[in-house]
Amino acid sequence: MEPCSQNAALSAEFCQALAMLDRMDRKILAILQKDCTLPVAEIGKQIGLSTTPCWRRIQKLEEQGVIERRVALLDPKKVNVGVTVFVSITTSNHTKEWLERFHAALEDFPEVVEFYRMSGKVDYLLRVVVPDIERYDAFYKRLISRIELSDVSSAFAMEQIKFTTALPLDYAAEEKRAAQPISAQAVR
């Protein structure tokens, strides 16, 4: 039985995505994640589809939000932001108002390229890119002047071992199975 018919809590968007990510869609997505500038005819040729059906599939993936946008990936060193800093933040203030102020404050910092709310001892994790330690210090001083924080801990990346924006697509084929409710016995 399909998970969407079993579980009313699943969003309509999730159920729609489940129905549409077939093998051909995943092939298209794999190609686009590597190079979204390829002509549709070339993508179709690589996966064995003619141009029009390939284009329709790409449009469907865009309309349904699977493809959010197409961007150019820049070399951080060539645009003078080669230092990556992971910033762990804890706060004693967990009100909705504080959280809204914190989100708004971070919008003003282009150096923050990723921002996560975490579980565990750290409340938030930021990935910050800057030219050097001095510029990070300036960023840090601007940040703490904008919002009250309990603790800020910074870790400088010494070397980037792996970086990709390509998401693994193997799981897209398994979503139906993964979305099914877990029985009490399966958790024991």
N, C-alpha and C. Protein backbone atom coordinates (compact mmCIF):
# COMPACT_ATOMS: atom_id res chain seq x y z
N MET A 1 0.84 -1.19 0.00
CA MET A 1 0.00 0.00 0.00
C MET A 1 0.88 1.25 0.00
N GLU A 2 0.46 2.29 -0.67
CA GLU A 2 1.23 3.52 -0.77
C GLU A 2 1.23 4.28 0.56
N PRO A 3 2.38 4.88 0.94
CA PRO A 3 2.45 5.60 2.22
C PRO A 3 1.53 6.80 2.26
N CYS A 4 1.28 7.44 1.13
CA CYS A 4 0.44 8.63 1.14
C CYS A 4 -1.01 8.28 1.45
N SER A 5 -1.45 7.08 1.08
CA SER A 5 -2.81 6.68 1.40
C SER A 5 -2.90 6.19 2.84
N GLN A 6 -1.78 5.80 3.45
CA GLN A 6 -1.76 5.30 4.82
C GLN A 6 -1.60 6.41 5.85
N ASN A 7 -0.93 7.49 5.49
CA ASN A 7 -0.55 8.48 6.48
C ASN A 7 -1.00 9.87 6.04
N ALA A 8 -2.07 10.35 6.66
CA ALA A 8 -2.61 11.67 6.30
C ALA A 8 -1.66 12.80 6.67
N ALA A 9 -0.69 12.55 7.56
CA ALA A 9 0.23 13.60 8.00
C ALA A 9 1.26 13.94 6.93
N LEU A 10 1.46 13.07 5.95
CA LEU A 10 2.42 13.37 4.89
C LEU A 10 1.90 14.52 4.05
N SER A 11 2.77 15.46 3.72
CA SER A 11 2.34 16.63 2.97
C SER A 11 2.00 16.26 1.53
N ALA A 12 1.12 17.03 0.94
CA ALA A 12 0.74 16.81 -0.45
C ALA A 12 1.97 16.94 -1.36
N GLU A 13 2.86 17.90 -1.02
CA GLU A 13 4.07 18.09 -1.84
C GLU A 13 4.96 16.85 -1.79
N PHE A 14 5.11 16.27 -0.58
CA PHE A 14 5.94 15.07 -0.44
C PHE A 14 5.33 13.93 -1.25
N CYS A 15 4.03 13.75 -1.14
CA CYS A 15 3.37 12.66 -1.86
C CYS A 15 3.47 12.86 -3.37
N GLN A 16 3.37 14.11 -3.81
CA GLN A 16 3.52 14.41 -5.23
C GLN A 16 4.93 14.07 -5.70
N ALA A 17 5.93 14.41 -4.88
CA ALA A 17 7.32 14.12 -5.23
C ALA A 17 7.56 12.63 -5.29
N LEU A 18 6.93 11.87 -4.39
CA LEU A 18 7.10 10.42 -4.40
C LEU A 18 6.65 9.84 -5.73
N ALA A 19 5.54 10.34 -6.22
CA ALA A 19 4.96 9.78 -7.43
C ALA A 19 5.78 10.11 -8.67
N MET A 20 6.59 11.13 -8.63
CA MET A 20 7.20 11.58 -9.88
C MET A 20 8.68 11.24 -10.04
N LEU A 21 9.40 10.89 -8.99
CA LEU A 21 10.84 10.68 -9.14
C LEU A 21 11.15 9.26 -9.60
N ASP A 22 10.92 9.02 -10.86
CA ASP A 22 11.24 7.71 -11.41
C ASP A 22 12.71 7.66 -11.84
N ARG A 23 13.12 6.55 -12.40
CA ARG A 23 14.52 6.35 -12.78
C ARG A 23 14.98 7.43 -13.77
N MET A 24 14.14 7.79 -14.74
CA MET A 24 14.50 8.79 -15.74
C MET A 24 14.70 10.16 -15.10
N ASP A 25 13.80 10.52 -14.18
CA ASP A 25 13.94 11.80 -13.48
C ASP A 25 15.24 11.84 -12.69
N ARG A 26 15.57 10.75 -12.03
CA ARG A 26 16.82 10.71 -11.25
C ARG A 26 18.04 10.83 -12.16
N LYS A 27 17.97 10.25 -13.35
CA LYS A 27 19.08 10.40 -14.30
C LYS A 27 19.22 11.86 -14.72
N ILE A 28 18.10 12.49 -15.01
CA ILE A 28 18.12 13.91 -15.40
C ILE A 28 18.72 14.74 -14.27
N LEU A 29 18.26 14.50 -13.05
CA LEU A 29 18.76 15.26 -11.90
C LEU A 29 20.25 15.05 -11.69
N ALA A 30 20.73 13.83 -11.88
CA ALA A 30 22.16 13.56 -11.72
C ALA A 30 22.98 14.38 -12.72
N ILE A 31 22.50 14.44 -13.95
CA ILE A 31 23.21 15.21 -14.99
C ILE A 31 23.17 16.70 -14.67
N LEU A 32 21.99 17.22 -14.30
CA LEU A 32 21.85 18.64 -14.00
C LEU A 32 22.67 19.06 -12.79
N GLN A 33 22.81 18.17 -11.81
CA GLN A 33 23.62 18.51 -10.63
C GLN A 33 25.09 18.66 -10.99
N LYS A 34 25.53 17.98 -12.04
CA LYS A 34 26.92 18.10 -12.48
C LYS A 34 27.12 19.32 -13.38
N ASP A 35 26.14 19.57 -14.26
CA ASP A 35 26.26 20.68 -15.20
C ASP A 35 24.88 21.08 -15.71
N CYS A 36 24.32 22.13 -15.12
CA CYS A 36 22.98 22.56 -15.52
C CYS A 36 22.99 23.40 -16.80
N THR A 37 24.16 23.62 -17.38
CA THR A 37 24.22 24.40 -18.62
C THR A 37 24.12 23.53 -19.87
N LEU A 38 24.09 22.21 -19.67
CA LEU A 38 23.99 21.33 -20.84
C LEU A 38 22.68 21.59 -21.57
N PRO A 39 22.71 21.59 -22.89
CA PRO A 39 21.46 21.73 -23.65
C PRO A 39 20.54 20.53 -23.38
N VAL A 40 19.24 20.77 -23.40
CA VAL A 40 18.26 19.71 -23.15
C VAL A 40 18.46 18.56 -24.13
N ALA A 41 18.80 18.86 -25.38
CA ALA A 41 19.02 17.80 -26.37
C ALA A 41 20.16 16.87 -25.93
N GLU A 42 21.22 17.43 -25.34
CA GLU A 42 22.35 16.62 -24.87
C GLU A 42 21.94 15.77 -23.67
N ILE A 43 21.17 16.35 -22.75
CA ILE A 43 20.69 15.59 -21.60
C ILE A 43 19.83 14.43 -22.08
N GLY A 44 18.91 14.73 -23.00
CA GLY A 44 18.04 13.68 -23.55
C GLY A 44 18.84 12.58 -24.22
N LYS A 45 19.86 12.97 -24.96
CA LYS A 45 20.71 11.99 -25.64
C LYS A 45 21.40 11.07 -24.62
N GLN A 46 21.88 11.65 -23.52
CA GLN A 46 22.58 10.86 -22.50
C GLN A 46 21.67 9.85 -21.80
N ILE A 47 20.38 10.16 -21.72
CA ILE A 47 19.48 9.26 -21.00
C ILE A 47 18.52 8.50 -21.92
N GLY A 48 18.61 8.76 -23.22
CA GLY A 48 17.77 8.02 -24.16
C GLY A 48 16.37 8.58 -24.34
N LEU A 49 16.23 9.90 -24.21
CA LEU A 49 14.94 10.56 -24.45
C LEU A 49 15.12 11.62 -25.53
N SER A 50 14.07 11.85 -26.29
CA SER A 50 14.15 12.95 -27.25
C SER A 50 14.00 14.27 -26.48
N THR A 51 14.27 15.36 -27.17
CA THR A 51 14.33 16.67 -26.52
C THR A 51 13.03 17.07 -25.82
N THR A 52 11.90 16.93 -26.50
CA THR A 52 10.64 17.41 -25.93
C THR A 52 10.25 16.67 -24.64
N PRO A 53 10.25 15.34 -24.60
CA PRO A 53 9.92 14.68 -23.33
C PRO A 53 10.93 15.00 -22.22
N CYS A 54 12.18 15.16 -22.58
CA CYS A 54 13.20 15.51 -21.60
C CYS A 54 12.91 16.90 -21.03
N TRP A 55 12.61 17.85 -21.90
CA TRP A 55 12.29 19.21 -21.47
C TRP A 55 11.06 19.23 -20.58
N ARG A 56 10.03 18.43 -20.93
CA ARG A 56 8.82 18.36 -20.11
C ARG A 56 9.14 17.85 -18.71
N ARG A 57 10.00 16.85 -18.63
CA ARG A 57 10.37 16.31 -17.32
C ARG A 57 11.12 17.37 -16.50
N ILE A 58 12.03 18.10 -17.13
CA ILE A 58 12.77 19.15 -16.42
C ILE A 58 11.80 20.22 -15.93
N GLN A 59 10.87 20.63 -16.79
CA GLN A 59 9.88 21.64 -16.39
C GLN A 59 9.05 21.14 -15.21
N LYS A 60 8.64 19.87 -15.24
CA LYS A 60 7.85 19.28 -14.15
C LYS A 60 8.66 19.29 -12.85
N LEU A 61 9.94 18.94 -12.94
CA LEU A 61 10.80 18.94 -11.75
C LEU A 61 10.96 20.35 -11.19
N GLU A 62 11.00 21.35 -12.05
CA GLU A 62 11.07 22.74 -11.60
C GLU A 62 9.75 23.19 -10.98
N GLU A 63 8.65 22.90 -11.65
CA GLU A 63 7.33 23.29 -11.15
C GLU A 63 7.03 22.68 -9.79
N GLN A 64 7.48 21.45 -9.57
CA GLN A 64 7.20 20.77 -8.31
C GLN A 64 8.24 21.07 -7.24
N GLY A 65 9.21 21.93 -7.56
CA GLY A 65 10.17 22.37 -6.56
C GLY A 65 11.31 21.40 -6.30
N VAL A 66 11.42 20.33 -7.07
CA VAL A 66 12.56 19.42 -6.91
C VAL A 66 13.82 20.17 -7.34
N ILE A 67 13.74 20.86 -8.47
CA ILE A 67 14.81 21.77 -8.89
C ILE A 67 14.41 23.15 -8.38
N GLU A 68 15.12 23.64 -7.38
CA GLU A 68 14.78 24.93 -6.78
C GLU A 68 15.27 26.10 -7.62
N ARG A 69 16.50 25.99 -8.11
CA ARG A 69 17.08 27.07 -8.92
C ARG A 69 18.34 26.54 -9.59
N ARG A 70 18.85 27.29 -10.52
CA ARG A 70 20.10 26.94 -11.20
C ARG A 70 21.09 28.05 -10.90
N VAL A 71 22.28 27.68 -10.44
CA VAL A 71 23.25 28.67 -10.00
C VAL A 71 24.64 28.34 -10.56
N ALA A 72 25.54 29.29 -10.44
CA ALA A 72 26.95 29.07 -10.77
C ALA A 72 27.70 28.88 -9.46
N LEU A 73 28.55 27.88 -9.40
CA LEU A 73 29.37 27.65 -8.21
C LEU A 73 30.71 28.33 -8.41
N LEU A 74 31.09 29.15 -7.46
CA LEU A 74 32.31 29.94 -7.57
C LEU A 74 33.43 29.31 -6.76
N ASP A 75 34.66 29.55 -7.18
CA ASP A 75 35.83 29.11 -6.44
C ASP A 75 36.06 30.15 -5.33
N PRO A 76 35.91 29.73 -4.05
CA PRO A 76 36.05 30.70 -2.96
C PRO A 76 37.39 31.44 -2.96
N LYS A 77 38.46 30.76 -3.29
CA LYS A 77 39.78 31.41 -3.28
C LYS A 77 39.87 32.49 -4.35
N LYS A 78 39.24 32.25 -5.49
CA LYS A 78 39.32 33.22 -6.59
C LYS A 78 38.44 34.45 -6.35
N VAL A 79 37.53 34.36 -5.38
CA VAL A 79 36.74 35.53 -5.01
C VAL A 79 37.09 36.00 -3.60
N ASN A 80 38.28 35.58 -3.14
CA ASN A 80 38.89 36.04 -1.90
C ASN A 80 38.08 35.74 -0.64
N VAL A 81 37.49 34.54 -0.59
CA VAL A 81 36.86 34.06 0.66
C VAL A 81 37.29 32.61 0.89
N GLY A 82 38.58 32.39 0.92
CA GLY A 82 39.13 31.04 1.01
C GLY A 82 39.22 30.46 2.41
N VAL A 83 38.86 31.22 3.44
CA VAL A 83 38.91 30.71 4.80
C VAL A 83 37.47 30.34 5.22
N THR A 84 37.30 29.09 5.61
CA THR A 84 35.99 28.61 6.06
C THR A 84 36.04 28.42 7.57
N VAL A 85 35.02 28.97 8.23
CA VAL A 85 34.93 28.89 9.69
C VAL A 85 33.57 28.28 10.05
N PHE A 86 33.60 27.26 10.90
CA PHE A 86 32.37 26.69 11.44
C PHE A 86 32.16 27.30 12.81
N VAL A 87 31.03 27.98 12.98
CA VAL A 87 30.76 28.73 14.19
C VAL A 87 29.62 28.05 14.94
N SER A 88 29.92 27.55 16.14
CA SER A 88 28.92 26.92 17.01
C SER A 88 28.42 27.97 17.98
N ILE A 89 27.11 28.09 18.06
CA ILE A 89 26.50 29.12 18.90
C ILE A 89 25.53 28.47 19.88
N THR A 90 25.63 28.88 21.14
CA THR A 90 24.62 28.51 22.13
C THR A 90 24.02 29.79 22.69
N THR A 91 22.76 29.67 23.07
CA THR A 91 22.07 30.81 23.65
C THR A 91 21.21 30.32 24.80
N SER A 92 20.98 31.20 25.75
CA SER A 92 20.08 30.87 26.85
C SER A 92 18.69 31.42 26.57
N ASN A 93 18.56 32.15 25.48
CA ASN A 93 17.29 32.77 25.12
C ASN A 93 16.66 31.98 23.98
N HIS A 94 15.53 31.35 24.23
CA HIS A 94 14.87 30.53 23.21
C HIS A 94 13.47 31.02 22.90
N THR A 95 13.27 32.33 23.01
CA THR A 95 11.95 32.87 22.71
C THR A 95 11.79 33.05 21.21
N LYS A 96 10.56 33.10 20.78
CA LYS A 96 10.27 33.32 19.36
C LYS A 96 10.81 34.68 18.91
N GLU A 97 10.70 35.69 19.75
CA GLU A 97 11.17 37.03 19.41
C GLU A 97 12.69 37.05 19.20
N TRP A 98 13.42 36.39 20.11
CA TRP A 98 14.88 36.33 19.98
C TRP A 98 15.26 35.61 18.69
N LEU A 99 14.60 34.49 18.43
CA LEU A 99 14.89 33.71 17.23
C LEU A 99 14.65 34.54 15.97
N GLU A 100 13.57 35.28 15.94
CA GLU A 100 13.29 36.14 14.78
C GLU A 100 14.37 37.22 14.62
N ARG A 101 14.81 37.82 15.75
CA ARG A 101 15.88 38.83 15.69
C ARG A 101 17.19 38.21 15.20
N PHE A 102 17.48 37.00 15.67
CA PHE A 102 18.70 36.31 15.27
C PHE A 102 18.68 36.01 13.77
N HIS A 103 17.57 35.48 13.29
CA HIS A 103 17.44 35.20 11.85
C HIS A 103 17.61 36.49 11.05
N ALA A 104 16.95 37.54 11.48
CA ALA A 104 17.04 38.83 10.77
C ALA A 104 18.46 39.37 10.79
N ALA A 105 19.14 39.24 11.93
CA ALA A 105 20.52 39.72 12.02
C ALA A 105 21.42 38.97 11.04
N LEU A 106 21.25 37.66 10.96
CA LEU A 106 22.12 36.87 10.08
C LEU A 106 21.88 37.16 8.60
N GLU A 107 20.70 37.63 8.27
CA GLU A 107 20.42 38.00 6.88
C GLU A 107 21.36 39.12 6.41
N ASP A 108 21.84 39.93 7.35
CA ASP A 108 22.73 41.05 7.03
C ASP A 108 24.19 40.65 6.90
N PHE A 109 24.51 39.36 7.06
CA PHE A 109 25.88 38.89 7.02
C PHE A 109 26.09 37.98 5.81
N PRO A 110 26.57 38.52 4.69
CA PRO A 110 26.78 37.68 3.50
C PRO A 110 27.85 36.61 3.72
N GLU A 111 28.68 36.79 4.74
CA GLU A 111 29.71 35.79 5.04
C GLU A 111 29.11 34.47 5.51
N VAL A 112 27.89 34.52 6.05
CA VAL A 112 27.22 33.30 6.51
C VAL A 112 26.58 32.63 5.29
N VAL A 113 27.16 31.52 4.88
CA VAL A 113 26.65 30.82 3.69
C VAL A 113 25.78 29.62 4.04
N GLU A 114 25.85 29.17 5.30
CA GLU A 114 24.95 28.12 5.78
C GLU A 114 24.62 28.42 7.24
N PHE A 115 23.38 28.06 7.64
CA PHE A 115 22.89 28.39 8.96
C PHE A 115 21.93 27.29 9.38
N TYR A 116 22.23 26.59 10.47
CA TYR A 116 21.43 25.46 10.92
C TYR A 116 21.04 25.62 12.38
N ARG A 117 19.83 25.19 12.71
CA ARG A 117 19.42 25.02 14.10
C ARG A 117 19.72 23.56 14.43
N MET A 118 20.39 23.32 15.55
CA MET A 118 20.92 22.00 15.86
C MET A 118 20.22 21.37 17.06
N SER A 119 20.43 20.06 17.18
CA SER A 119 20.06 19.37 18.42
C SER A 119 21.36 19.18 19.20
N GLY A 120 21.25 18.88 20.49
CA GLY A 120 22.45 18.65 21.28
C GLY A 120 22.89 19.90 22.03
N LYS A 121 24.16 19.97 22.35
CA LYS A 121 24.70 21.06 23.17
C LYS A 121 24.79 22.39 22.44
N VAL A 122 24.94 22.33 21.13
CA VAL A 122 25.04 23.55 20.31
C VAL A 122 23.66 23.87 19.76
N ASP A 123 23.26 25.13 19.86
CA ASP A 123 21.95 25.54 19.36
C ASP A 123 21.95 25.83 17.87
N TYR A 124 23.01 26.48 17.39
CA TYR A 124 23.09 26.87 15.98
C TYR A 124 24.49 26.62 15.45
N LEU A 125 24.57 26.29 14.18
CA LEU A 125 25.85 26.11 13.52
C LEU A 125 25.85 26.94 12.25
N LEU A 126 26.89 27.75 12.09
CA LEU A 126 27.04 28.59 10.91
C LEU A 126 28.28 28.14 10.14
N ARG A 127 28.19 28.22 8.82
CA ARG A 127 29.41 28.11 8.01
C ARG A 127 29.64 29.49 7.45
N VAL A 128 30.80 30.03 7.77
CA VAL A 128 31.16 31.40 7.42
C VAL A 128 32.37 31.36 6.51
N VAL A 129 32.37 32.18 5.46
CA VAL A 129 33.54 32.28 4.58
C VAL A 129 34.05 33.72 4.59
N VAL A 130 35.36 33.84 4.76
CA VAL A 130 36.02 35.14 4.85
C VAL A 130 37.40 35.04 4.20
N PRO A 131 38.05 36.18 3.95
CA PRO A 131 39.40 36.14 3.37
C PRO A 131 40.49 35.68 4.34
N ASP A 132 40.33 36.03 5.64
CA ASP A 132 41.41 35.74 6.58
C ASP A 132 40.89 35.83 8.01
N ILE A 133 41.73 35.53 8.97
CA ILE A 133 41.34 35.53 10.38
C ILE A 133 40.94 36.93 10.85
N GLU A 134 41.62 37.93 10.38
CA GLU A 134 41.28 39.30 10.78
C GLU A 134 39.85 39.65 10.36
N ARG A 135 39.47 39.25 9.15
CA ARG A 135 38.11 39.54 8.69
C ARG A 135 37.09 38.71 9.47
N TYR A 136 37.49 37.50 9.88
CA TYR A 136 36.59 36.72 10.72
C TYR A 136 36.39 37.43 12.06
N ASP A 137 37.45 37.96 12.62
CA ASP A 137 37.35 38.68 13.88
C ASP A 137 36.40 39.87 13.75
N ALA A 138 36.48 40.58 12.65
CA ALA A 138 35.57 41.71 12.40
C ALA A 138 34.13 41.21 12.29
N PHE A 139 33.93 40.10 11.58
CA PHE A 139 32.60 39.48 11.47
C PHE A 139 32.07 39.14 12.87
N TYR A 140 32.92 38.47 13.66
CA TYR A 140 32.55 38.05 15.02
C TYR A 140 32.11 39.26 15.86
N LYS A 141 32.87 40.34 15.80
CA LYS A 141 32.54 41.53 16.59
C LYS A 141 31.22 42.14 16.13
N ARG A 142 30.97 42.16 14.82
CA ARG A 142 29.68 42.66 14.32
C ARG A 142 28.54 41.77 14.78
N LEU A 143 28.77 40.46 14.75
CA LEU A 143 27.73 39.51 15.14
C LEU A 143 27.34 39.70 16.61
N ILE A 144 28.32 39.71 17.50
CA ILE A 144 27.99 39.80 18.93
C ILE A 144 27.45 41.18 19.32
N SER A 145 27.69 42.19 18.47
CA SER A 145 27.10 43.50 18.76
C SER A 145 25.63 43.57 18.35
N ARG A 146 25.21 42.63 17.50
CA ARG A 146 23.83 42.63 16.99
C ARG A 146 22.86 41.80 17.82
N ILE A 147 23.38 40.75 18.49
CA ILE A 147 22.48 39.83 19.20
C ILE A 147 23.20 39.22 20.39
N GLU A 148 22.46 39.02 21.47
CA GLU A 148 23.06 38.44 22.67
C GLU A 148 23.16 36.91 22.50
N LEU A 149 24.37 36.40 22.77
CA LEU A 149 24.65 34.97 22.64
C LEU A 149 25.33 34.49 23.92
N SER A 150 25.06 33.23 24.32
CA SER A 150 25.70 32.69 25.53
C SER A 150 27.13 32.26 25.25
N ASP A 151 27.35 31.61 24.10
CA ASP A 151 28.68 31.11 23.79
C ASP A 151 28.85 31.03 22.28
N VAL A 152 30.02 31.42 21.82
CA VAL A 152 30.37 31.32 20.41
C VAL A 152 31.71 30.61 20.32
N SER A 153 31.74 29.52 19.58
CA SER A 153 32.98 28.77 19.41
C SER A 153 33.27 28.64 17.92
N SER A 154 34.48 28.96 17.52
CA SER A 154 34.84 28.96 16.10
C SER A 154 35.88 27.89 15.81
N ALA A 155 35.67 27.17 14.71
CA ALA A 155 36.64 26.17 14.26
C ALA A 155 36.99 26.49 12.82
N PHE A 156 38.28 26.70 12.56
CA PHE A 156 38.74 27.05 11.22
C PHE A 156 39.07 25.77 10.46
N ALA A 157 38.53 25.64 9.25
CA ALA A 157 38.83 24.48 8.42
C ALA A 157 40.26 24.58 7.93
N MET A 158 41.02 23.54 8.16
CA MET A 158 42.41 23.52 7.71
C MET A 158 42.51 23.09 6.25
N GLU A 159 41.62 22.17 5.85
CA GLU A 159 41.64 21.66 4.48
C GLU A 159 40.24 21.16 4.14
N GLN A 160 39.80 21.44 2.94
CA GLN A 160 38.52 20.92 2.48
C GLN A 160 38.78 19.57 1.79
N ILE A 161 38.29 18.51 2.39
CA ILE A 161 38.52 17.17 1.86
C ILE A 161 37.49 16.82 0.80
N LYS A 162 36.24 17.16 1.05
CA LYS A 162 35.18 16.89 0.08
C LYS A 162 34.18 18.03 0.14
N PHE A 163 33.75 18.46 -1.01
CA PHE A 163 32.68 19.45 -1.12
C PHE A 163 31.89 19.12 -2.36
N THR A 164 30.59 19.02 -2.21
CA THR A 164 29.72 18.83 -3.36
C THR A 164 28.38 19.48 -3.07
N THR A 165 27.75 19.92 -4.10
CA THR A 165 26.37 20.39 -3.97
C THR A 165 25.41 19.34 -4.51
N ALA A 166 25.95 18.27 -5.09
CA ALA A 166 25.12 17.21 -5.65
C ALA A 166 24.56 16.34 -4.53
N LEU A 167 23.25 16.24 -4.49
CA LEU A 167 22.60 15.40 -3.49
C LEU A 167 22.56 13.95 -3.96
N PRO A 168 22.66 12.99 -3.03
CA PRO A 168 22.55 11.58 -3.43
C PRO A 168 21.12 11.30 -3.89
N LEU A 169 20.97 10.66 -5.02
CA LEU A 169 19.64 10.41 -5.57
C LEU A 169 19.15 8.99 -5.36
N ASP A 170 20.01 8.11 -4.87
CA ASP A 170 19.59 6.73 -4.63
C ASP A 170 18.42 6.67 -3.65
N TYR A 171 18.41 7.56 -2.66
CA TYR A 171 17.34 7.56 -1.67
C TYR A 171 16.01 8.00 -2.26
N ALA A 172 16.03 8.75 -3.33
CA ALA A 172 14.79 9.20 -3.95
C ALA A 172 13.96 8.01 -4.42
N ALA A 173 14.62 6.93 -4.79
CA ALA A 173 13.91 5.73 -5.22
C ALA A 173 13.35 4.96 -4.03
N GLU A 174 13.87 5.23 -2.82
CA GLU A 174 13.46 4.50 -1.63
C GLU A 174 12.44 5.27 -0.79
N GLU A 175 12.07 6.48 -1.18
CA GLU A 175 11.21 7.30 -0.34
C GLU A 175 9.91 6.61 0.03
N LYS A 176 9.33 5.87 -0.88
CA LYS A 176 8.07 5.20 -0.58
C LYS A 176 8.23 4.27 0.60
N ARG A 177 9.30 3.50 0.61
CA ARG A 177 9.55 2.55 1.69
C ARG A 177 9.86 3.30 2.98
N ALA A 178 10.66 4.33 2.92
CA ALA A 178 11.09 5.06 4.11
C ALA A 178 9.95 5.83 4.75
N ALA A 179 8.95 6.21 3.98
CA ALA A 179 7.86 7.03 4.51
C ALA A 179 6.82 6.20 5.25
N GLN A 180 6.89 4.89 5.15
CA GLN A 180 5.91 4.05 5.84
C GLN A 180 6.12 4.12 7.34
N PRO A 181 5.01 4.04 8.10
CA PRO A 181 5.13 4.09 9.56
C PRO A 181 6.01 2.96 10.09
N ILE A 182 6.74 3.25 11.15
CA ILE A 182 7.61 2.27 11.78
C ILE A 182 6.79 1.53 12.83
N SER A 183 6.82 0.22 12.79
CA SER A 183 6.08 -0.55 13.78
C SER A 183 6.82 -0.52 15.10
N ALA A 184 6.10 -0.79 16.18
CA ALA A 184 6.70 -0.79 17.51
C ALA A 184 7.80 -1.84 17.62
N GLN A 185 7.64 -2.95 16.94
CA GLN A 185 8.66 -4.01 17.00
C GLN A 185 9.93 -3.60 16.29
N ALA A 186 9.81 -2.80 15.22
CA ALA A 186 10.99 -2.39 14.46
C ALA A 186 11.90 -1.49 15.28
N VAL A 187 11.34 -0.80 16.28
CA VAL A 187 12.14 0.13 17.07
C VAL A 187 12.85 -0.56 18.24
N ARG A 188 12.43 -1.73 18.61
CA ARG A 188 13.02 -2.41 19.78
C ARG A 188 14.36 -2.94 19.53
